[in-house]
N, C-alpha and C. Protein backbone atom coordinates (compact mmCIF):
# COMPACT_ATOMS: atom_id res chain seq x y z
N MET A 1 9.67 -7.93 -16.40
CA MET A 1 9.30 -6.44 -16.86
C MET A 1 10.03 -5.50 -15.99
N LYS A 2 10.34 -4.26 -16.50
CA LYS A 2 10.90 -3.28 -15.73
C LYS A 2 10.43 -2.93 -14.56
N ARG A 3 8.93 -2.70 -14.52
CA ARG A 3 8.14 -2.50 -13.37
C ARG A 3 8.07 -3.42 -12.42
N LYS A 4 8.12 -4.69 -12.71
CA LYS A 4 8.18 -5.85 -11.79
C LYS A 4 9.68 -5.60 -10.98
N GLY A 5 10.53 -5.51 -11.83
CA GLY A 5 11.95 -5.47 -11.10
C GLY A 5 11.90 -4.41 -10.25
N LEU A 6 11.34 -3.07 -10.48
CA LEU A 6 11.50 -1.98 -9.45
C LEU A 6 10.76 -2.48 -8.09
N PHE A 7 9.36 -3.01 -8.20
CA PHE A 7 8.96 -3.26 -6.79
C PHE A 7 9.53 -4.45 -6.11
N LEU A 8 10.02 -5.45 -6.77
CA LEU A 8 10.71 -6.49 -6.21
C LEU A 8 12.02 -6.05 -5.60
N LEU A 9 12.64 -5.16 -6.29
CA LEU A 9 14.07 -4.63 -5.76
C LEU A 9 13.48 -3.95 -4.42
N ALA A 10 12.49 -3.17 -4.40
CA ALA A 10 12.11 -2.34 -3.32
C ALA A 10 11.82 -3.29 -2.29
N GLY A 11 10.88 -4.41 -2.43
CA GLY A 11 10.65 -5.39 -1.47
C GLY A 11 11.88 -6.04 -0.92
N SER A 12 12.76 -6.29 -1.60
CA SER A 12 14.11 -6.90 -1.25
C SER A 12 14.77 -6.02 -0.28
N LEU A 13 14.85 -4.71 -0.50
CA LEU A 13 15.58 -4.01 0.14
C LEU A 13 15.01 -3.58 1.41
N CYS A 14 13.67 -3.67 1.56
CA CYS A 14 12.94 -3.61 2.73
C CYS A 14 13.26 -4.75 3.74
N ALA A 15 13.00 -5.92 2.94
CA ALA A 15 13.26 -7.23 3.69
C ALA A 15 14.64 -7.36 4.35
N MET A 16 15.78 -6.87 3.52
CA MET A 16 17.08 -6.97 4.07
C MET A 16 17.31 -6.31 5.35
N THR A 17 16.52 -5.03 5.56
CA THR A 17 16.81 -4.26 6.75
C THR A 17 15.47 -4.37 7.67
N LEU A 18 14.37 -4.96 6.90
CA LEU A 18 13.19 -5.11 7.64
C LEU A 18 12.39 -3.95 8.18
N CYS A 19 12.47 -2.98 7.64
CA CYS A 19 11.63 -1.94 8.10
C CYS A 19 10.94 -1.56 6.92
N VAL A 20 11.25 -2.18 6.20
CA VAL A 20 10.56 -2.10 5.14
C VAL A 20 9.73 -0.92 5.46
N CYS A 21 -11.89 6.30 -10.64
CA CYS A 21 -11.36 7.71 -11.23
C CYS A 21 -12.65 8.16 -10.93
N LEU A 22 -11.88 9.02 -9.76
CA LEU A 22 -13.41 9.16 -9.40
C LEU A 22 -14.24 9.74 -10.46
N SER A 23 -15.43 9.13 -10.99
CA SER A 23 -16.20 9.62 -11.87
C SER A 23 -17.30 10.39 -11.12
N ALA A 24 -17.97 11.20 -11.93
CA ALA A 24 -19.01 12.07 -11.26
C ALA A 24 -20.06 11.21 -10.49
N THR A 25 -20.32 10.03 -10.98
CA THR A 25 -21.25 9.30 -10.24
C THR A 25 -20.97 8.67 -9.16
N THR A 26 -19.56 8.63 -8.66
CA THR A 26 -19.16 7.97 -7.47
C THR A 26 -18.55 9.11 -6.50
N ALA A 27 -18.48 10.37 -6.98
CA ALA A 27 -17.93 11.15 -6.17
C ALA A 27 -18.58 11.46 -4.93
N ASN A 28 -19.82 11.58 -4.89
CA ASN A 28 -20.53 11.68 -3.73
C ASN A 28 -20.52 10.60 -2.72
N VAL A 29 -20.33 9.37 -3.15
CA VAL A 29 -20.30 8.30 -2.30
C VAL A 29 -18.87 8.56 -1.57
N LEU A 30 -17.85 8.73 -2.19
CA LEU A 30 -16.46 8.88 -1.71
C LEU A 30 -16.31 10.03 -0.77
N THR A 31 -17.01 11.12 -1.17
CA THR A 31 -17.08 12.29 -0.17
C THR A 31 -17.68 11.91 1.15
N ALA A 32 -18.67 11.10 1.09
CA ALA A 32 -19.46 10.69 2.32
C ALA A 32 -18.54 9.69 3.16
N VAL A 33 -17.87 8.93 2.57
CA VAL A 33 -17.07 7.83 3.13
C VAL A 33 -15.94 8.73 3.80
N ALA A 34 -15.39 9.50 3.00
CA ALA A 34 -14.18 10.36 3.52
C ALA A 34 -14.55 11.18 4.94
N ALA A 35 -15.68 11.68 4.76
CA ALA A 35 -16.21 12.58 5.96
C ALA A 35 -16.57 11.74 7.20
N GLU A 36 -16.68 10.47 7.19
CA GLU A 36 -17.04 9.72 8.27
C GLU A 36 -15.68 9.02 8.69
N ALA A 37 -14.50 8.96 7.77
CA ALA A 37 -13.32 8.37 8.28
C ALA A 37 -12.71 9.09 9.53
N GLU A 38 -12.33 8.26 10.57
CA GLU A 38 -11.42 9.00 11.59
C GLU A 38 -10.04 8.51 11.73
N THR A 39 -8.96 9.49 11.84
CA THR A 39 -7.73 9.09 11.76
C THR A 39 -7.34 8.69 13.12
N GLU A 40 -6.82 7.36 13.20
CA GLU A 40 -6.37 6.83 14.38
C GLU A 40 -4.89 7.03 14.67
N THR A 41 -4.38 6.58 15.80
CA THR A 41 -2.81 6.66 16.00
C THR A 41 -2.11 5.88 14.85
N GLU A 42 -2.71 4.88 14.37
CA GLU A 42 -1.86 4.30 13.23
C GLU A 42 -2.35 4.81 11.97
N LEU A 43 -2.93 5.97 11.78
CA LEU A 43 -3.20 6.61 10.62
C LEU A 43 -4.07 5.71 9.62
N GLU A 44 -4.79 4.84 10.17
CA GLU A 44 -5.57 4.03 9.20
C GLU A 44 -7.12 4.50 9.19
N THR A 45 -7.87 4.41 8.01
CA THR A 45 -9.08 5.04 7.91
C THR A 45 -10.03 3.92 8.48
N GLU A 46 -10.83 4.17 9.48
CA GLU A 46 -11.80 3.13 10.13
C GLU A 46 -13.06 2.93 9.16
N ALA A 47 -13.65 4.05 8.62
CA ALA A 47 -14.87 3.78 7.77
C ALA A 47 -14.72 3.22 6.61
N LYS A 48 -15.43 2.11 6.21
CA LYS A 48 -15.58 1.23 5.06
C LYS A 48 -16.82 1.50 4.40
N PRO A 49 -16.74 1.40 2.95
CA PRO A 49 -17.95 1.52 2.14
C PRO A 49 -18.66 0.24 2.44
N THR A 50 -19.98 0.23 2.34
CA THR A 50 -21.03 -0.97 2.34
C THR A 50 -20.53 -1.80 1.11
N ALA A 51 -21.25 -2.97 1.01
CA ALA A 51 -21.17 -3.65 -0.10
C ALA A 51 -21.87 -3.18 -1.42
N ALA A 52 -22.96 -2.24 -1.06
CA ALA A 52 -23.71 -1.88 -2.00
C ALA A 52 -22.83 -0.55 -2.63
N GLU A 53 -22.17 0.10 -1.81
CA GLU A 53 -21.40 1.28 -2.24
C GLU A 53 -20.22 0.72 -3.13
N LEU A 54 -19.49 -0.22 -2.57
CA LEU A 54 -18.52 -1.02 -3.34
C LEU A 54 -18.94 -1.36 -4.81
N ALA A 55 -20.13 -1.87 -4.90
CA ALA A 55 -20.57 -2.22 -6.00
C ALA A 55 -21.05 -1.12 -7.10
N GLU A 56 -21.31 -0.15 -6.34
CA GLU A 56 -21.78 1.12 -7.09
C GLU A 56 -20.43 1.79 -7.70
N MET A 57 -19.43 1.71 -6.97
CA MET A 57 -18.05 2.22 -7.38
C MET A 57 -17.11 1.18 -8.30
N GLY A 58 -17.75 -0.10 -8.38
CA GLY A 58 -17.10 -0.93 -9.28
C GLY A 58 -15.87 -1.54 -8.53
N LEU A 59 -16.09 -1.58 -7.32
CA LEU A 59 -14.77 -2.19 -6.56
C LEU A 59 -15.10 -3.61 -6.01
N LYS A 60 -14.19 -4.46 -6.07
CA LYS A 60 -14.13 -5.70 -5.68
C LYS A 60 -13.27 -5.95 -4.42
N GLU A 61 -13.61 -6.82 -3.62
CA GLU A 61 -13.00 -7.44 -2.36
C GLU A 61 -12.04 -8.50 -2.75
N PHE A 62 -10.62 -8.22 -2.53
CA PHE A 62 -9.71 -9.18 -2.82
C PHE A 62 -9.07 -9.67 -1.38
N ALA A 63 -9.35 -10.88 -1.02
CA ALA A 63 -8.88 -11.26 0.29
C ALA A 63 -7.62 -12.07 -0.23
N VAL A 64 -6.55 -11.73 0.28
CA VAL A 64 -5.35 -12.48 -0.05
C VAL A 64 -4.75 -13.04 1.27
N GLU A 65 -4.66 -14.52 1.30
CA GLU A 65 -4.17 -15.11 2.39
C GLU A 65 -2.75 -14.69 2.85
N GLU A 66 -2.90 -14.54 4.08
CA GLU A 66 -1.41 -14.15 4.78
C GLU A 66 -0.90 -12.68 4.36
N VAL A 67 -1.82 -12.00 3.56
CA VAL A 67 -1.42 -10.41 3.31
C VAL A 67 -2.44 -9.72 3.81
N GLY A 68 -3.85 -9.57 3.42
CA GLY A 68 -4.74 -8.89 3.76
C GLY A 68 -5.88 -8.94 3.14
N THR A 69 -6.70 -7.83 3.20
CA THR A 69 -7.85 -7.72 2.37
C THR A 69 -7.92 -6.29 1.65
N PHE A 70 -8.09 -6.30 0.44
CA PHE A 70 -8.06 -5.00 -0.40
C PHE A 70 -9.31 -4.88 -1.19
N TYR A 71 -9.59 -3.50 -1.63
CA TYR A 71 -10.75 -3.24 -2.51
C TYR A 71 -10.25 -2.36 -3.45
N LEU A 72 -10.35 -3.01 -4.77
CA LEU A 72 -9.80 -2.29 -6.13
C LEU A 72 -10.88 -2.59 -7.18
N PRO A 73 -10.68 -1.89 -8.40
CA PRO A 73 -11.56 -2.22 -9.49
C PRO A 73 -11.47 -3.64 -9.84
N GLU A 74 -12.66 -4.27 -10.06
CA GLU A 74 -12.64 -5.45 -10.41
C GLU A 74 -11.79 -6.12 -11.61
N ASP A 75 -11.29 -5.10 -12.54
CA ASP A 75 -10.46 -5.56 -13.46
C ASP A 75 -8.96 -5.71 -13.14
N PHE A 76 -8.69 -5.45 -11.89
CA PHE A 76 -7.34 -5.81 -11.42
C PHE A 76 -6.97 -7.17 -11.34
N GLU A 77 -5.75 -7.64 -11.73
CA GLU A 77 -5.40 -8.94 -11.68
C GLU A 77 -4.64 -9.08 -10.40
N VAL A 78 -4.54 -10.11 -9.62
CA VAL A 78 -3.70 -10.23 -8.54
C VAL A 78 -2.79 -11.54 -8.36
N GLU A 79 -1.68 -11.36 -8.14
CA GLU A 79 -0.78 -12.51 -7.91
C GLU A 79 -0.16 -12.30 -6.39
N SER A 80 -0.11 -13.42 -5.80
CA SER A 80 0.54 -13.47 -4.30
C SER A 80 1.43 -14.58 -4.22
N GLY A 81 2.22 -14.25 -3.13
CA GLY A 81 3.24 -15.32 -2.73
C GLY A 81 3.97 -14.95 -1.45
N PHE A 82 5.12 -15.75 -1.25
CA PHE A 82 5.97 -15.80 -0.10
C PHE A 82 7.40 -15.88 -0.47
N ASP A 83 8.27 -14.98 0.10
CA ASP A 83 9.58 -14.66 -0.23
C ASP A 83 10.39 -14.78 1.13
N ASP A 84 11.41 -15.64 1.34
CA ASP A 84 12.12 -15.74 2.43
C ASP A 84 13.65 -15.57 2.12
N ALA A 85 13.86 -15.09 1.16
CA ALA A 85 15.31 -15.14 0.56
C ALA A 85 16.00 -14.13 1.51
N TYR A 86 15.50 -13.31 2.35
CA TYR A 86 16.14 -12.51 3.12
C TYR A 86 15.57 -12.68 4.62
N LEU A 87 14.32 -12.32 4.52
CA LEU A 87 13.34 -12.49 5.86
C LEU A 87 12.12 -12.91 5.29
N PRO A 88 11.24 -13.39 6.19
CA PRO A 88 9.77 -13.87 5.62
C PRO A 88 9.06 -12.69 5.31
N MET A 89 8.56 -12.73 4.15
CA MET A 89 7.63 -11.72 3.65
C MET A 89 6.49 -12.25 2.81
N HIS A 90 5.32 -11.74 3.04
CA HIS A 90 4.11 -12.24 2.30
C HIS A 90 3.89 -11.07 1.27
N TYR A 91 3.37 -11.26 0.17
CA TYR A 91 3.07 -10.25 -0.72
C TYR A 91 1.89 -10.50 -1.54
N ALA A 92 1.47 -9.22 -2.24
CA ALA A 92 0.54 -9.34 -3.39
C ALA A 92 0.74 -8.32 -4.05
N THR A 93 0.51 -8.59 -5.67
CA THR A 93 0.80 -7.77 -6.60
C THR A 93 -0.52 -7.50 -7.43
N PHE A 94 -1.09 -6.29 -7.59
CA PHE A 94 -2.21 -6.12 -8.47
C PHE A 94 -1.99 -5.28 -9.71
N THR A 95 -2.36 -5.73 -10.80
CA THR A 95 -2.08 -5.00 -11.95
C THR A 95 -3.18 -4.71 -12.77
N ARG A 96 -3.19 -3.49 -13.45
CA ARG A 96 -4.01 -3.26 -14.39
C ARG A 96 -3.42 -2.11 -15.43
N GLY A 97 -3.20 -2.46 -16.67
CA GLY A 97 -2.73 -1.70 -17.59
C GLY A 97 -1.29 -1.17 -16.98
N ASP A 98 -1.11 0.13 -17.08
CA ASP A 98 0.13 0.63 -16.56
C ASP A 98 0.26 0.79 -15.03
N VAL A 99 -0.78 0.58 -14.35
CA VAL A 99 -0.76 0.62 -12.86
C VAL A 99 -0.34 -0.88 -12.19
N THR A 100 0.49 -0.66 -11.32
CA THR A 100 0.79 -1.90 -10.36
C THR A 100 0.76 -1.35 -9.11
N ILE A 101 0.18 -2.18 -8.13
CA ILE A 101 0.01 -1.88 -6.55
C ILE A 101 0.58 -3.20 -6.04
N HIS A 102 1.49 -2.80 -5.35
CA HIS A 102 2.46 -3.85 -4.75
C HIS A 102 2.35 -3.82 -3.15
N VAL A 103 1.90 -4.88 -2.66
CA VAL A 103 1.70 -4.98 -1.11
C VAL A 103 2.71 -5.91 -0.50
N THR A 104 3.40 -5.48 0.61
CA THR A 104 4.47 -6.30 1.34
C THR A 104 3.86 -6.36 2.75
N ARG A 105 3.92 -7.48 3.55
CA ARG A 105 3.65 -7.88 4.88
C ARG A 105 4.77 -8.39 5.51
N PHE A 106 5.16 -7.83 6.60
CA PHE A 106 6.23 -8.39 7.44
C PHE A 106 5.68 -8.77 8.62
N GLY A 107 5.58 -10.24 9.16
CA GLY A 107 4.99 -10.41 10.31
C GLY A 107 5.97 -10.58 11.56
N ALA A 108 5.33 -10.92 12.57
CA ALA A 108 6.21 -11.11 13.89
C ALA A 108 7.42 -12.15 13.56
N ASP A 109 7.25 -13.05 12.69
CA ASP A 109 8.27 -13.92 12.53
C ASP A 109 9.54 -13.16 11.77
N ALA A 110 9.12 -12.46 10.94
CA ALA A 110 10.25 -11.62 10.20
C ALA A 110 11.00 -10.86 11.19
N TYR A 111 10.29 -10.13 12.16
CA TYR A 111 11.12 -9.34 13.14
C TYR A 111 11.82 -10.29 13.97
N GLU A 112 11.27 -11.34 14.40
CA GLU A 112 12.22 -12.35 15.43
C GLU A 112 13.36 -12.85 14.58
N ALA A 113 13.18 -13.18 13.18
CA ALA A 113 14.38 -13.64 12.50
C ALA A 113 15.52 -12.39 12.29
N ALA A 114 14.85 -11.38 12.40
CA ALA A 114 16.06 -10.10 12.26
C ALA A 114 16.37 -9.78 13.59
N GLY A 115 16.03 -10.20 14.63
CA GLY A 115 16.27 -9.74 16.03
C GLY A 115 15.97 -8.49 16.25
N LEU A 116 14.88 -7.84 15.83
CA LEU A 116 14.45 -6.58 15.96
C LEU A 116 13.09 -6.61 16.53
N PRO A 117 12.70 -5.53 17.27
CA PRO A 117 11.38 -5.53 17.88
C PRO A 117 10.41 -4.87 16.93
N LEU A 118 9.13 -5.31 17.09
CA LEU A 118 8.12 -4.76 16.21
C LEU A 118 7.90 -3.15 16.41
N PRO A 119 7.80 -2.24 15.43
CA PRO A 119 7.64 -0.90 15.57
C PRO A 119 6.53 -0.75 16.48
N GLU A 120 6.64 0.42 17.30
CA GLU A 120 5.74 0.81 18.08
C GLU A 120 4.30 1.32 17.51
N ASP A 121 4.43 1.88 16.18
CA ASP A 121 3.22 2.27 15.46
C ASP A 121 3.84 2.81 14.07
N LEU A 122 3.07 3.40 13.43
CA LEU A 122 3.37 3.70 11.84
C LEU A 122 4.46 4.87 11.88
N GLU A 123 4.35 5.79 12.89
CA GLU A 123 5.40 6.84 12.88
C GLU A 123 6.79 6.23 13.20
N ASP A 124 6.99 5.18 14.16
CA ASP A 124 8.37 4.53 14.63
C ASP A 124 8.63 3.86 13.14
N TYR A 125 7.60 3.09 12.63
CA TYR A 125 8.09 2.38 11.31
C TYR A 125 8.46 3.25 10.21
N SER A 126 8.12 4.31 10.09
CA SER A 126 8.44 5.34 8.99
C SER A 126 9.86 5.73 9.04
N THR A 127 10.52 5.54 10.30
CA THR A 127 11.87 6.15 10.56
C THR A 127 12.71 4.75 10.47
N ARG A 128 12.24 3.71 10.18
CA ARG A 128 13.17 2.45 10.18
C ARG A 128 13.90 2.56 8.95
N ALA A 129 15.22 2.01 9.02
CA ALA A 129 16.21 2.13 7.88
C ALA A 129 15.71 1.55 6.64
N GLY A 130 15.00 0.42 6.77
CA GLY A 130 14.63 -0.25 5.44
C GLY A 130 13.56 0.52 4.83
N VAL A 131 12.72 1.18 5.49
CA VAL A 131 11.73 2.13 4.88
C VAL A 131 12.39 3.38 4.16
N ARG A 132 13.17 3.91 4.85
CA ARG A 132 14.07 5.13 4.42
C ARG A 132 14.91 4.63 3.19
N GLN A 133 15.55 3.53 3.09
CA GLN A 133 16.50 3.19 2.15
C GLN A 133 15.91 3.13 0.97
N SER A 134 14.58 2.94 0.70
CA SER A 134 14.04 2.84 -0.54
C SER A 134 13.47 4.02 -1.04
N LEU A 135 13.50 5.03 -0.35
CA LEU A 135 13.10 6.57 -0.65
C LEU A 135 14.15 7.55 -1.10
N PRO A 136 13.79 8.46 -1.82
CA PRO A 136 14.71 9.58 -2.10
C PRO A 136 15.21 10.17 -0.85
N GLU A 137 16.28 10.85 -0.77
CA GLU A 137 16.82 11.28 0.51
C GLU A 137 16.00 12.35 1.27
N ASP A 138 15.40 13.16 0.22
CA ASP A 138 14.55 14.23 0.86
C ASP A 138 13.07 13.85 1.10
N ALA A 139 12.70 12.57 0.87
CA ALA A 139 11.31 12.21 0.95
C ALA A 139 10.74 12.34 2.34
N GLU A 140 9.62 12.91 2.56
CA GLU A 140 8.96 13.05 3.88
C GLU A 140 7.60 12.43 3.77
N PHE A 141 7.18 11.61 4.87
CA PHE A 141 5.84 11.07 4.83
C PHE A 141 4.87 12.48 5.41
N ASP A 142 3.77 12.11 4.80
CA ASP A 142 2.51 13.00 5.20
C ASP A 142 1.43 12.13 5.28
N THR A 143 0.21 13.00 5.63
CA THR A 143 -1.12 12.30 5.81
C THR A 143 -2.04 12.95 4.90
N ASP A 144 -2.56 12.01 4.00
CA ASP A 144 -3.26 12.37 2.97
C ASP A 144 -4.84 12.46 3.50
N GLU A 145 -5.69 12.89 2.53
CA GLU A 145 -7.06 13.18 2.86
C GLU A 145 -7.90 12.02 3.47
N TYR A 146 -7.47 10.71 3.42
CA TYR A 146 -7.93 9.51 3.77
C TYR A 146 -7.32 8.96 5.06
N GLY A 147 -6.31 9.67 5.52
CA GLY A 147 -5.55 9.13 6.69
C GLY A 147 -4.52 8.28 6.34
N ASN A 148 -4.08 8.06 5.01
CA ASN A 148 -2.88 7.36 4.75
C ASN A 148 -1.69 8.20 5.12
N MET A 149 -0.62 7.49 5.95
CA MET A 149 0.60 7.83 5.86
C MET A 149 1.40 7.36 4.58
N TYR A 150 1.62 8.68 3.83
CA TYR A 150 2.00 8.21 2.44
C TYR A 150 3.37 9.18 2.25
N VAL A 151 4.12 8.74 1.21
CA VAL A 151 5.00 9.48 0.54
C VAL A 151 4.82 9.24 -1.17
N GLN A 152 4.95 10.31 -1.87
CA GLN A 152 4.93 10.22 -3.16
C GLN A 152 6.11 10.92 -4.06
N PHE A 153 6.71 10.24 -5.05
CA PHE A 153 7.91 10.70 -5.73
C PHE A 153 8.07 10.05 -7.13
N ALA A 154 8.77 10.45 -7.81
CA ALA A 154 8.92 9.86 -9.32
C ALA A 154 10.47 9.32 -9.24
N ASP A 155 10.84 8.36 -9.68
CA ASP A 155 12.20 7.59 -9.63
C ASP A 155 12.86 8.09 -10.87
N ASP A 156 14.09 7.75 -11.10
CA ASP A 156 15.00 8.30 -12.27
C ASP A 156 14.54 7.67 -13.53
N GLU A 157 13.61 6.61 -13.57
CA GLU A 157 13.12 6.31 -14.99
C GLU A 157 11.67 6.74 -15.21
N GLY A 158 11.23 7.76 -14.62
CA GLY A 158 9.97 8.29 -14.77
C GLY A 158 8.76 7.62 -14.24
N THR A 159 9.01 6.70 -13.29
CA THR A 159 7.76 5.98 -12.74
C THR A 159 7.39 6.61 -11.32
N MET A 160 6.18 6.98 -11.21
CA MET A 160 5.61 7.55 -10.07
C MET A 160 5.44 6.44 -9.02
N GLN A 161 5.68 6.79 -7.73
CA GLN A 161 5.42 5.89 -6.74
C GLN A 161 4.69 6.60 -5.61
N TYR A 162 3.59 5.94 -5.20
CA TYR A 162 2.67 6.50 -4.16
C TYR A 162 2.78 5.28 -3.22
N GLN A 163 3.57 5.63 -2.05
CA GLN A 163 3.65 4.69 -0.87
C GLN A 163 2.90 4.85 0.22
N VAL A 164 2.28 3.87 0.78
CA VAL A 164 1.42 4.06 2.08
C VAL A 164 1.83 2.93 3.08
N LEU A 165 2.21 3.37 4.17
CA LEU A 165 2.64 2.49 5.30
C LEU A 165 1.37 1.89 5.90
N LYS A 166 1.46 0.47 6.30
CA LYS A 166 0.20 -0.16 6.60
C LYS A 166 0.69 -0.92 8.04
N ALA A 167 -0.20 -1.19 8.88
CA ALA A 167 0.05 -1.83 10.04
C ALA A 167 -1.14 -2.93 10.16
N GLY A 168 -0.78 -4.16 10.58
CA GLY A 168 -1.80 -5.25 10.78
C GLY A 168 -1.54 -5.78 12.08
N LYS A 169 -1.99 -6.95 12.41
CA LYS A 169 -1.91 -7.57 13.67
C LYS A 169 -0.63 -8.07 13.95
N GLU A 170 0.31 -7.40 14.70
CA GLU A 170 1.71 -7.82 14.76
C GLU A 170 2.32 -7.84 13.44
N ALA A 171 2.06 -7.06 12.53
CA ALA A 171 2.74 -6.82 11.04
C ALA A 171 2.62 -5.49 10.62
N TYR A 172 3.79 -5.29 9.84
CA TYR A 172 3.83 -4.01 9.28
C TYR A 172 4.25 -4.19 7.84
N GLY A 173 3.97 -3.22 6.80
CA GLY A 173 4.33 -3.23 5.44
C GLY A 173 3.90 -2.02 4.71
N ALA A 174 3.63 -2.19 3.46
CA ALA A 174 3.35 -1.13 2.72
C ALA A 174 2.63 -1.49 1.36
N MET A 175 1.81 -0.46 0.91
CA MET A 175 1.14 -0.67 -0.36
C MET A 175 1.53 0.53 -1.13
N THR A 176 2.20 0.02 -2.38
CA THR A 176 2.87 1.02 -3.21
C THR A 176 2.29 0.94 -4.71
N ALA A 177 1.84 2.13 -5.21
CA ALA A 177 1.31 2.12 -6.55
C ALA A 177 2.36 2.63 -7.49
N PHE A 178 2.64 1.88 -8.42
CA PHE A 178 3.62 2.44 -9.49
C PHE A 178 2.84 2.81 -10.90
N TYR A 179 3.29 3.87 -11.42
CA TYR A 179 2.75 4.00 -12.75
C TYR A 179 3.44 5.06 -13.48
N PRO A 180 3.68 5.06 -14.71
CA PRO A 180 4.44 5.90 -15.48
C PRO A 180 3.85 7.38 -15.31
N GLU A 181 4.77 8.49 -15.32
CA GLU A 181 4.34 9.83 -15.14
C GLU A 181 3.41 10.25 -16.10
N ASP A 182 3.57 9.63 -17.36
CA ASP A 182 2.64 10.10 -18.45
C ASP A 182 1.47 9.05 -18.84
N THR A 183 1.20 8.29 -17.77
CA THR A 183 0.19 7.37 -18.01
C THR A 183 -1.10 7.72 -18.27
N GLU A 184 -1.91 7.22 -19.15
CA GLU A 184 -3.26 7.61 -19.55
C GLU A 184 -4.43 6.97 -18.61
N GLU A 185 -3.77 6.21 -17.68
CA GLU A 185 -4.78 5.35 -16.82
C GLU A 185 -5.50 6.38 -15.83
N GLU A 186 -6.55 6.23 -15.37
CA GLU A 186 -7.26 6.94 -14.31
C GLU A 186 -6.70 6.59 -13.02
N ILE A 187 -6.01 7.49 -12.43
CA ILE A 187 -5.22 7.21 -11.31
C ILE A 187 -5.70 8.01 -9.97
N GLU A 188 -6.70 8.89 -10.20
CA GLU A 188 -7.10 9.79 -9.21
C GLU A 188 -7.48 9.08 -7.95
N ASP A 189 -7.98 7.84 -8.12
CA ASP A 189 -8.79 7.13 -7.06
C ASP A 189 -7.58 6.26 -6.14
N ILE A 190 -6.33 6.20 -6.61
CA ILE A 190 -5.38 5.47 -5.81
C ILE A 190 -5.42 5.56 -4.32
N PRO A 191 -5.11 6.95 -3.85
CA PRO A 191 -5.21 6.89 -2.36
C PRO A 191 -6.50 6.52 -1.62
N PHE A 192 -7.49 6.50 -2.33
CA PHE A 192 -8.70 6.03 -1.64
C PHE A 192 -8.66 4.59 -1.77
N TRP A 193 -8.38 3.86 -2.90
CA TRP A 193 -8.19 2.47 -2.94
C TRP A 193 -7.37 1.88 -1.82
N ILE A 194 -6.18 2.52 -1.76
CA ILE A 194 -5.29 2.11 -0.67
C ILE A 194 -5.70 2.21 0.52
N SER A 195 -6.40 3.34 0.85
CA SER A 195 -6.78 3.64 2.25
C SER A 195 -7.85 2.44 2.56
N LEU A 196 -8.53 1.92 1.91
CA LEU A 196 -9.39 0.65 2.11
C LEU A 196 -8.67 -0.60 2.52
N GLY A 197 -7.45 -0.83 2.08
CA GLY A 197 -6.72 -2.05 2.19
C GLY A 197 -6.43 -2.21 3.70
N GLU A 198 -6.40 -3.60 4.15
CA GLU A 198 -5.98 -3.73 5.65
C GLU A 198 -5.08 -5.06 5.45
N LEU A 199 -3.91 -4.94 6.32
CA LEU A 199 -3.12 -5.95 6.27
C LEU A 199 -3.70 -6.97 7.39
N GLU A 200 -3.29 -8.30 7.18
CA GLU A 200 -3.65 -9.31 8.42
C GLU A 200 -2.71 -8.97 9.53
């Protein structure tokens, strides 16, 4: 499908250079969680909802081996795998209707294979050629209300991309949401969902 091709191409480009709704009933819960979140040097959100809060919001824990742990609505479907066509990369793809969230993770083995050092932090990672190569020339990373280091843009085919950089244990990668500009899906929660995700 066209959407799959987009994120697989983006993942391959990153690998080649290695640098790769809220309803009224849940708004109060998310506001409380966001208020408790602290932004660390890695720009990751520390506070996580409790199991009861996740259930109230209709979110499910998806633990994906070699990729990480993610919290998304339970009706998302997930596929995961490993690709070493260019450099070792683990990935997971979550889909629901018009929305796809693609996760890539490059571990220490990938950096060793590329002969490159691990980035010092997310700020350093955001400047790597592989990360920049998949973005529009004028795209700039910013920090959203949940502490995500993100960039958002529409590609030439009218697909919106909301990309968040992630750091794990000796690993870096990204979570990128893809959806049509005119989608009827409820997408307001995407930054929050992504903020909960953690790479291994």
